[in-house]
Amino acid sequence: MSESLQKATNFILKFHSCVIRSIKEDSEKIHYYPLMDGIFITTPQLLIMQKAVNSIFSNAANIFLHERQNIHRFIIKGSLAYGPIYHGNIINDSVCHEIASNDNYKKTILLGMPMIQAFTTEKAAPPFGIYIHESARQYQHLQGRYYKWRNSTIDTDKLQAKIESYFNWCDKYSEYLELDPQKIARYKKLTNEYFSKRDSEDEESQTKIDPSLSEEQNPSNV
């Protein structure tokens, strides 16, 4: 934002427009807490979370792919965590009268370890990728470090190439953009790891899924 308020505002508003379009259909089944250039989304249903994440990332990826100039592109990433969440809208007079009587204020409050875990591990996510915190990895649909969102309309090979091209541009103008070249190199490596078909390179690699886990045990807080 320090480089250009107009450009930063444009990126932030585009991101939140992606979120609004993505959660509109299931808005009664999730809670969401926008904050500047990000958002916390919570839901007790894994499938609803997957649907929202898949839609948000595919919408943002579509914008990224159709933008012709790198200077107008922006990248998102996220993290998934699981556990008890407490919403401010349940606060009553026995907890705090000042907050309980202010509906507009209390509905912006979110408490819980998953919020902290998702926030602190988001930095480990690849560009246009989603990191899975350890709290969520025990469940059958979320194995490994990364959750790979899906959308049949997005050419992920093309997206990967565009992301790498974008970081090459960032590296060329790293001084002006105030970006650490080492971080840029790391982002490029993470992009390659995330979008590469790792399992196809090792015929013996397998993921064990425990069929005994019920759907109710699946994580869904981000």
C-alpha atoms as a PDB file:
ATOM      1  CA  MET A   1       0.000   0.000   0.000  1.00  0.00           C
ATOM      2  CA  SER A   2       2.972   2.306   0.582  1.00  0.00           C
ATOM      3  CA  GLU A   3       3.807   2.273  -3.156  1.00  0.00           C
ATOM      4  CA  SER A   4       0.314   3.148  -4.402  1.00  0.00           C
ATOM      5  CA  LEU A   5      -2.894   3.477  -2.424  1.00  0.00           C
ATOM      6  CA  GLN A   6      -4.923   3.265  -5.619  1.00  0.00           C
ATOM      7  CA  LYS A   7      -3.276   0.006  -6.744  1.00  0.00           C
ATOM      8  CA  ALA A   8      -3.499  -1.598  -3.304  1.00  0.00           C
ATOM      9  CA  THR A   9      -7.146  -0.603  -2.984  1.00  0.00           C
ATOM     10  CA  ASN A  10      -7.863  -2.093  -6.396  1.00  0.00           C
ATOM     11  CA  PHE A  11      -6.256  -5.411  -5.405  1.00  0.00           C
ATOM     12  CA  ILE A  12      -8.055  -5.567  -2.050  1.00  0.00           C
ATOM     13  CA  LEU A  13     -11.460  -4.792  -3.532  1.00  0.00           C
ATOM     14  CA  LYS A  14     -10.980  -7.358  -6.300  1.00  0.00           C
ATOM     15  CA  PHE A  15     -10.098  -9.978  -3.685  1.00  0.00           C
ATOM     16  CA  HIS A  16     -13.150  -9.253  -1.550  1.00  0.00           C
ATOM     17  CA  SER A  17     -15.385  -9.279  -4.620  1.00  0.00           C
ATOM     18  CA  CYS A  18     -14.083 -12.811  -5.292  1.00  0.00           C
ATOM     19  CA  VAL A  19     -15.021 -13.780  -1.737  1.00  0.00           C
ATOM     20  CA  ILE A  20     -18.524 -12.299  -1.950  1.00  0.00           C
ATOM     21  CA  ARG A  21     -19.279 -14.113  -5.215  1.00  0.00           C
ATOM     22  CA  SER A  22     -17.919 -17.362  -3.798  1.00  0.00           C
ATOM     23  CA  ILE A  23     -19.817 -17.471  -0.492  1.00  0.00           C
ATOM     24  CA  LYS A  24     -23.091 -15.953  -1.655  1.00  0.00           C
ATOM     25  CA  GLU A  25     -24.849 -19.283  -2.192  1.00  0.00           C
ATOM     26  CA  ASP A  26     -23.862 -20.702   1.223  1.00  0.00           C
ATOM     27  CA  SER A  27     -23.784 -17.459   3.227  1.00  0.00           C
ATOM     28  CA  GLU A  28     -26.157 -18.867   5.870  1.00  0.00           C
ATOM     29  CA  LYS A  29     -23.896 -21.872   6.477  1.00  0.00           C
ATOM     30  CA  ILE A  30     -20.656 -19.994   7.145  1.00  0.00           C
ATOM     31  CA  HIS A  31     -19.305 -17.103   9.185  1.00  0.00           C
ATOM     32  CA  TYR A  32     -16.867 -14.672   7.613  1.00  0.00           C
ATOM     33  CA  TYR A  33     -14.664 -11.941   9.054  1.00  0.00           C
ATOM     34  CA  PRO A  34     -13.056  -9.600   6.492  1.00  0.00           C
ATOM     35  CA  LEU A  35      -9.894  -7.794   7.568  1.00  0.00           C
ATOM     36  CA  MET A  36      -8.036  -5.444   5.241  1.00  0.00           C
ATOM     37  CA  ASP A  37      -6.427  -7.678   2.589  1.00  0.00           C
ATOM     38  CA  GLY A  38      -7.661 -10.999   3.974  1.00  0.00           C
ATOM     39  CA  ILE A  39     -10.573 -12.873   5.509  1.00  0.00           C
ATOM     40  CA  PHE A  40     -11.310 -15.536   8.109  1.00  0.00           C
ATOM     41  CA  ILE A  41     -13.977 -18.050   7.076  1.00  0.00           C
ATOM     42  CA  THR A  42     -15.455 -20.631   9.443  1.00  0.00           C
ATOM     43  CA  THR A  43     -17.985 -23.413   8.981  1.00  0.00           C
ATOM     44  CA  PRO A  44     -18.691 -26.757  10.687  1.00  0.00           C
ATOM     45  CA  GLN A  45     -19.001 -28.456   7.282  1.00  0.00           C
ATOM     46  CA  LEU A  46     -15.884 -29.460   5.353  1.00  0.00           C
ATOM     47  CA  LEU A  47     -17.670 -29.647   2.007  1.00  0.00           C
ATOM     48  CA  ILE A  48     -18.918 -26.076   2.396  1.00  0.00           C
ATOM     49  CA  MET A  49     -15.390 -24.928   3.230  1.00  0.00           C
ATOM     50  CA  GLN A  50     -13.951 -26.746   0.222  1.00  0.00           C
ATOM     51  CA  LYS A  51     -16.597 -25.245  -2.042  1.00  0.00           C
ATOM     52  CA  ALA A  52     -15.862 -21.724  -0.797  1.00  0.00           C
ATOM     53  CA  VAL A  53     -12.071 -22.115  -1.017  1.00  0.00           C
ATOM     54  CA  ASN A  54     -12.224 -23.676  -4.482  1.00  0.00           C
ATOM     55  CA  SER A  55     -14.416 -20.838  -5.726  1.00  0.00           C
ATOM     56  CA  ILE A  56     -12.395 -18.005  -4.132  1.00  0.00           C
ATOM     57  CA  PHE A  57      -9.097 -19.273  -5.498  1.00  0.00           C
ATOM     58  CA  SER A  58     -10.454 -20.061  -8.955  1.00  0.00           C
ATOM     59  CA  ASN A  59     -12.048 -16.596  -9.209  1.00  0.00           C
ATOM     60  CA  ALA A  60      -8.787 -14.925  -8.174  1.00  0.00           C
ATOM     61  CA  ALA A  61      -6.787 -17.171 -10.514  1.00  0.00           C
ATOM     62  CA  ASN A  62      -9.093 -16.238 -13.387  1.00  0.00           C
ATOM     63  CA  ILE A  63      -8.414 -12.542 -12.735  1.00  0.00           C
ATOM     64  CA  PHE A  64      -4.671 -13.233 -12.590  1.00  0.00           C
ATOM     65  CA  LEU A  65      -4.707 -15.151 -15.881  1.00  0.00           C
ATOM     66  CA  HIS A  66      -6.709 -12.573 -17.803  1.00  0.00           C
ATOM     67  CA  GLU A  67      -4.687  -9.567 -16.624  1.00  0.00           C
ATOM     68  CA  ARG A  68      -2.191  -8.626 -19.340  1.00  0.00           C
ATOM     69  CA  GLN A  69       0.337  -6.704 -17.249  1.00  0.00           C
ATOM     70  CA  ASN A  70       2.209  -8.004 -14.214  1.00  0.00           C
ATOM     71  CA  ILE A  71       1.940  -4.641 -12.527  1.00  0.00           C
ATOM     72  CA  HIS A  72      -1.822  -5.169 -12.321  1.00  0.00           C
ATOM     73  CA  ARG A  73      -1.677  -8.749 -11.010  1.00  0.00           C
ATOM     74  CA  PHE A  74      -2.102  -9.872  -7.403  1.00  0.00           C
ATOM     75  CA  ILE A  75      -1.576 -13.232  -5.697  1.00  0.00           C
ATOM     76  CA  ILE A  76      -3.497 -14.825  -2.834  1.00  0.00           C
ATOM     77  CA  LYS A  77      -2.764 -17.744  -0.530  1.00  0.00           C
ATOM     78  CA  GLY A  78      -4.323 -19.230   2.593  1.00  0.00           C
ATOM     79  CA  SER A  79      -4.235 -21.742   5.408  1.00  0.00           C
ATOM     80  CA  LEU A  80      -6.658 -24.278   6.896  1.00  0.00           C
ATOM     81  CA  ALA A  81      -6.903 -25.111  10.597  1.00  0.00           C
ATOM     82  CA  TYR A  82      -9.388 -27.072  12.708  1.00  0.00           C
ATOM     83  CA  GLY A  83     -10.793 -26.722  16.210  1.00  0.00           C
ATOM     84  CA  PRO A  84     -13.291 -24.906  18.453  1.00  0.00           C
ATOM     85  CA  ILE A  85     -14.246 -21.404  17.333  1.00  0.00           C
ATOM     86  CA  TYR A  86     -16.158 -18.782  19.325  1.00  0.00           C
ATOM     87  CA  HIS A  87     -18.171 -16.105  17.569  1.00  0.00           C
ATOM     88  CA  GLY A  88     -18.756 -12.681  19.071  1.00  0.00           C
ATOM     89  CA  ASN A  89     -22.454 -12.753  18.241  1.00  0.00           C
ATOM     90  CA  ILE A  90     -23.025 -15.179  21.142  1.00  0.00           C
ATOM     91  CA  ILE A  91     -21.731 -12.678  23.720  1.00  0.00           C
ATOM     92  CA  ASN A  92     -24.493 -11.752  26.183  1.00  0.00           C
ATOM     93  CA  ASP A  93     -24.851  -9.433  29.182  1.00  0.00           C
ATOM     94  CA  SER A  94     -23.363 -12.012  31.551  1.00  0.00           C
ATOM     95  CA  VAL A  95     -20.102 -11.790  29.590  1.00  0.00           C
ATOM     96  CA  CYS A  96     -19.923  -8.074  28.807  1.00  0.00           C
ATOM     97  CA  HIS A  97     -22.862  -5.700  28.659  1.00  0.00           C
ATOM     98  CA  GLU A  98     -21.073  -3.091  26.528  1.00  0.00           C
ATOM     99  CA  ILE A  99     -20.274  -5.637  23.813  1.00  0.00           C
ATOM    100  CA  ALA A 100     -23.566  -7.551  24.086  1.00  0.00           C
ATOM    101  CA  SER A 101     -25.576  -4.411  23.443  1.00  0.00           C
ATOM    102  CA  ASN A 102     -23.586  -3.499  20.309  1.00  0.00           C
ATOM    103  CA  ASP A 103     -24.566  -5.944  17.556  1.00  0.00           C
ATOM    104  CA  ASN A 104     -22.460  -4.295  14.864  1.00  0.00           C
ATOM    105  CA  TYR A 105     -19.331  -4.550  17.023  1.00  0.00           C
ATOM    106  CA  LYS A 106     -19.723  -8.017  18.521  1.00  0.00           C
ATOM    107  CA  LYS A 107     -20.378  -9.707  15.192  1.00  0.00           C
ATOM    108  CA  THR A 108     -16.839  -8.740  14.111  1.00  0.00           C
ATOM    109  CA  ILE A 109     -15.220 -10.683  16.993  1.00  0.00           C
ATOM    110  CA  LEU A 110     -13.735 -14.135  16.375  1.00  0.00           C
ATOM    111  CA  LEU A 111     -11.876 -16.189  18.991  1.00  0.00           C
ATOM    112  CA  GLY A 112     -10.153 -19.558  18.935  1.00  0.00           C
ATOM    113  CA  MET A 113      -6.854 -21.338  18.328  1.00  0.00           C
ATOM    114  CA  PRO A 114      -7.695 -22.252  14.699  1.00  0.00           C
ATOM    115  CA  MET A 115      -7.801 -18.541  13.892  1.00  0.00           C
ATOM    116  CA  ILE A 116      -4.290 -18.087  15.298  1.00  0.00           C
ATOM    117  CA  GLN A 117      -3.024 -21.276  13.644  1.00  0.00           C
ATOM    118  CA  ALA A 118      -4.397 -20.312  10.245  1.00  0.00           C
ATOM    119  CA  PHE A 119      -2.995 -16.792  10.529  1.00  0.00           C
ATOM    120  CA  THR A 120       0.514 -17.840  11.589  1.00  0.00           C
ATOM    121  CA  THR A 121       0.902 -20.647   9.026  1.00  0.00           C
ATOM    122  CA  GLU A 122      -0.464 -18.755   6.022  1.00  0.00           C
ATOM    123  CA  LYS A 123       3.091 -17.569   5.361  1.00  0.00           C
ATOM    124  CA  ALA A 124       4.059 -21.188   4.575  1.00  0.00           C
ATOM    125  CA  ALA A 125       1.476 -21.447   1.786  1.00  0.00           C
ATOM    126  CA  PRO A 126       2.638 -21.354  -1.846  1.00  0.00           C
ATOM    127  CA  PRO A 127       1.416 -18.594  -4.163  1.00  0.00           C
ATOM    128  CA  PHE A 128      -2.206 -19.423  -5.036  1.00  0.00           C
ATOM    129  CA  GLY A 129      -1.882 -22.323  -2.612  1.00  0.00           C
ATOM    130  CA  ILE A 130      -3.341 -23.367   0.737  1.00  0.00           C
ATOM    131  CA  TYR A 131      -1.306 -24.662   3.661  1.00  0.00           C
ATOM    132  CA  ILE A 132      -2.863 -27.255   5.974  1.00  0.00           C
ATOM    133  CA  HIS A 133      -2.056 -26.751   9.656  1.00  0.00           C
ATOM    134  CA  GLU A 134      -1.277 -29.874  11.675  1.00  0.00           C
ATOM    135  CA  SER A 135      -4.618 -29.578  13.480  1.00  0.00           C
ATOM    136  CA  ALA A 136      -6.421 -30.440  10.239  1.00  0.00           C
ATOM    137  CA  ARG A 137      -4.105 -33.075   8.744  1.00  0.00           C
ATOM    138  CA  GLN A 138      -5.512 -36.010  10.695  1.00  0.00           C
ATOM    139  CA  TYR A 139      -8.657 -36.086   8.581  1.00  0.00           C
ATOM    140  CA  GLN A 140      -9.118 -38.151   5.443  1.00  0.00           C
ATOM    141  CA  HIS A 141      -9.826 -35.304   3.037  1.00  0.00           C
ATOM    142  CA  LEU A 142      -6.900 -33.146   4.178  1.00  0.00           C
ATOM    143  CA  GLN A 143      -3.671 -35.098   3.935  1.00  0.00           C
ATOM    144  CA  GLY A 144      -0.210 -33.589   3.594  1.00  0.00           C
ATOM    145  CA  ARG A 145       0.942 -29.984   3.852  1.00  0.00           C
ATOM    146  CA  TYR A 146      -1.079 -28.500   1.010  1.00  0.00           C
ATOM    147  CA  TYR A 147      -4.732 -28.460   0.035  1.00  0.00           C
ATOM    148  CA  LYS A 148      -5.059 -28.252  -3.738  1.00  0.00           C
ATOM    149  CA  TRP A 149      -8.171 -26.403  -4.807  1.00  0.00           C
ATOM    150  CA  ARG A 150      -9.953 -27.665  -7.898  1.00  0.00           C
ATOM    151  CA  ASN A 151     -11.737 -26.020 -10.802  1.00  0.00           C
ATOM    152  CA  SER A 152     -12.034 -27.618 -14.215  1.00  0.00           C
ATOM    153  CA  THR A 153     -12.155 -24.234 -15.957  1.00  0.00           C
ATOM    154  CA  ILE A 154      -8.692 -23.194 -14.745  1.00  0.00           C
ATOM    155  CA  ASP A 155      -5.644 -24.383 -16.679  1.00  0.00           C
ATOM    156  CA  THR A 156      -3.236 -24.929 -13.769  1.00  0.00           C
ATOM    157  CA  ASP A 157      -0.253 -25.439 -16.088  1.00  0.00           C
ATOM    158  CA  LYS A 158      -0.903 -22.026 -17.602  1.00  0.00           C
ATOM    159  CA  LEU A 159      -1.449 -20.555 -14.154  1.00  0.00           C
ATOM    160  CA  GLN A 160       1.867 -21.948 -12.935  1.00  0.00           C
ATOM    161  CA  ALA A 161       3.678 -20.498 -15.945  1.00  0.00           C
ATOM    162  CA  LYS A 162       2.062 -17.090 -15.408  1.00  0.00           C
ATOM    163  CA  ILE A 163       2.978 -17.108 -11.699  1.00  0.00           C
ATOM    164  CA  GLU A 164       6.606 -17.929 -12.494  1.00  0.00           C
ATOM    165  CA  SER A 165       6.638 -15.172 -15.124  1.00  0.00           C
ATOM    166  CA  TYR A 166       5.191 -12.778 -12.557  1.00  0.00           C
ATOM    167  CA  PHE A 167       7.969 -13.555 -10.067  1.00  0.00           C
ATOM    168  CA  ASN A 168      10.595 -13.162 -12.777  1.00  0.00           C
ATOM    169  CA  TRP A 169       9.194  -9.678 -13.265  1.00  0.00           C
ATOM    170  CA  CYS A 170       9.272  -9.094  -9.481  1.00  0.00           C
ATOM    171  CA  ASP A 171      12.900 -10.198  -9.399  1.00  0.00           C
ATOM    172  CA  LYS A 172      13.783  -7.774 -12.205  1.00  0.00           C
ATOM    173  CA  TYR A 173      12.282  -4.852 -10.258  1.00  0.00           C
ATOM    174  CA  SER A 174      12.908  -6.138  -6.740  1.00  0.00           C
ATOM    175  CA  GLU A 175      14.572  -2.937  -5.547  1.00  0.00           C
ATOM    176  CA  TYR A 176      11.667  -0.757  -6.599  1.00  0.00           C
ATOM    177  CA  LEU A 177       9.091  -3.226  -5.284  1.00  0.00           C
ATOM    178  CA  GLU A 178      11.121  -3.653  -2.060  1.00  0.00           C
ATOM    179  CA  LEU A 179      11.036  -7.439  -2.356  1.00  0.00           C
ATOM    180  CA  ASP A 180      13.775  -9.719  -1.056  1.00  0.00           C
ATOM    181  CA  PRO A 181      15.249 -11.699  -4.012  1.00  0.00           C
ATOM    182  CA  GLN A 182      15.633 -14.710  -1.713  1.00  0.00           C
ATOM    183  CA  LYS A 183      11.917 -14.635  -0.932  1.00  0.00           C
ATOM    184  CA  ILE A 184      11.122 -14.346  -4.628  1.00  0.00           C
ATOM    185  CA  ALA A 185      13.259 -17.427  -5.314  1.00  0.00           C
ATOM    186  CA  ARG A 186      11.441 -19.275  -2.526  1.00  0.00           C
ATOM    187  CA  TYR A 187       8.031 -18.306  -3.926  1.00  0.00           C
ATOM    188  CA  LYS A 188       9.072 -19.662  -7.331  1.00  0.00           C
ATOM    189  CA  LYS A 189      10.185 -22.940  -5.757  1.00  0.00           C
ATOM    190  CA  LEU A 190       6.951 -23.232  -3.764  1.00  0.00           C
ATOM    191  CA  THR A 191       4.926 -22.566  -6.919  1.00  0.00           C
ATOM    192  CA  ASN A 192       6.718 -25.378  -8.727  1.00  0.00           C
ATOM    193  CA  GLU A 193       6.188 -27.761  -5.810  1.00  0.00           C
ATOM    194  CA  TYR A 194       2.516 -26.912  -5.397  1.00  0.00           C
ATOM    195  CA  PHE A 195       1.448 -27.214  -9.020  1.00  0.00           C
ATOM    196  CA  SER A 196       3.695 -30.117  -9.998  1.00  0.00           C
ATOM    197  CA  LYS A 197       2.156 -33.596 -10.027  1.00  0.00           C
ATOM    198  CA  ARG A 198       4.438 -34.957  -7.328  1.00  0.00           C
ATOM    199  CA  ASP A 199       2.725 -38.335  -6.899  1.00  0.00           C
ATOM    200  CA  SER A 200       3.064 -39.190 -10.580  1.00  0.00           C
ATOM    201  CA  GLU A 201       6.849 -38.988 -10.239  1.00  0.00           C
ATOM    202  CA  ASP A 202       6.923 -41.809  -7.700  1.00  0.00           C
ATOM    203  CA  GLU A 203       4.951 -44.929  -8.551  1.00  0.00           C
ATOM    204  CA  GLU A 204       5.269 -46.259  -5.016  1.00  0.00           C
ATOM    205  CA  SER A 205       3.918 -43.179  -3.242  1.00  0.00           C
ATOM    206  CA  GLN A 206       0.501 -43.700  -1.688  1.00  0.00           C
ATOM    207  CA  THR A 207      -1.794 -41.830   0.630  1.00  0.00           C
ATOM    208  CA  LYS A 208      -3.467 -43.885   3.315  1.00  0.00           C
ATOM    209  CA  ILE A 209      -7.039 -42.885   4.071  1.00  0.00           C
ATOM    210  CA  ASP A 210      -8.796 -44.040   7.203  1.00  0.00           C
ATOM    211  CA  PRO A 211     -12.395 -44.867   6.187  1.00  0.00           C
ATOM    212  CA  SER A 212     -13.472 -45.024   9.821  1.00  0.00           C
ATOM    213  CA  LEU A 213     -13.507 -41.227  10.164  1.00  0.00           C
ATOM    214  CA  SER A 214     -16.990 -39.786   9.893  1.00  0.00           C
ATOM    215  CA  GLU A 215     -17.821 -36.601   7.988  1.00  0.00           C
ATOM    216  CA  GLU A 216     -18.592 -34.876  11.282  1.00  0.00           C
ATOM    217  CA  GLN A 217     -14.939 -35.210  12.250  1.00  0.00           C
ATOM    218  CA  ASN A 218     -13.719 -33.328   9.211  1.00  0.00           C
ATOM    219  CA  PRO A 219     -12.056 -29.956   9.768  1.00  0.00           C
ATOM    220  CA  SER A 220     -13.585 -26.832   8.359  1.00  0.00           C
ATOM    221  CA  ASN A 221     -12.239 -23.742  10.094  1.00  0.00           C
ATOM    222  CA  VAL A 222      -9.907 -21.386   8.282  1.00  0.00           C
END
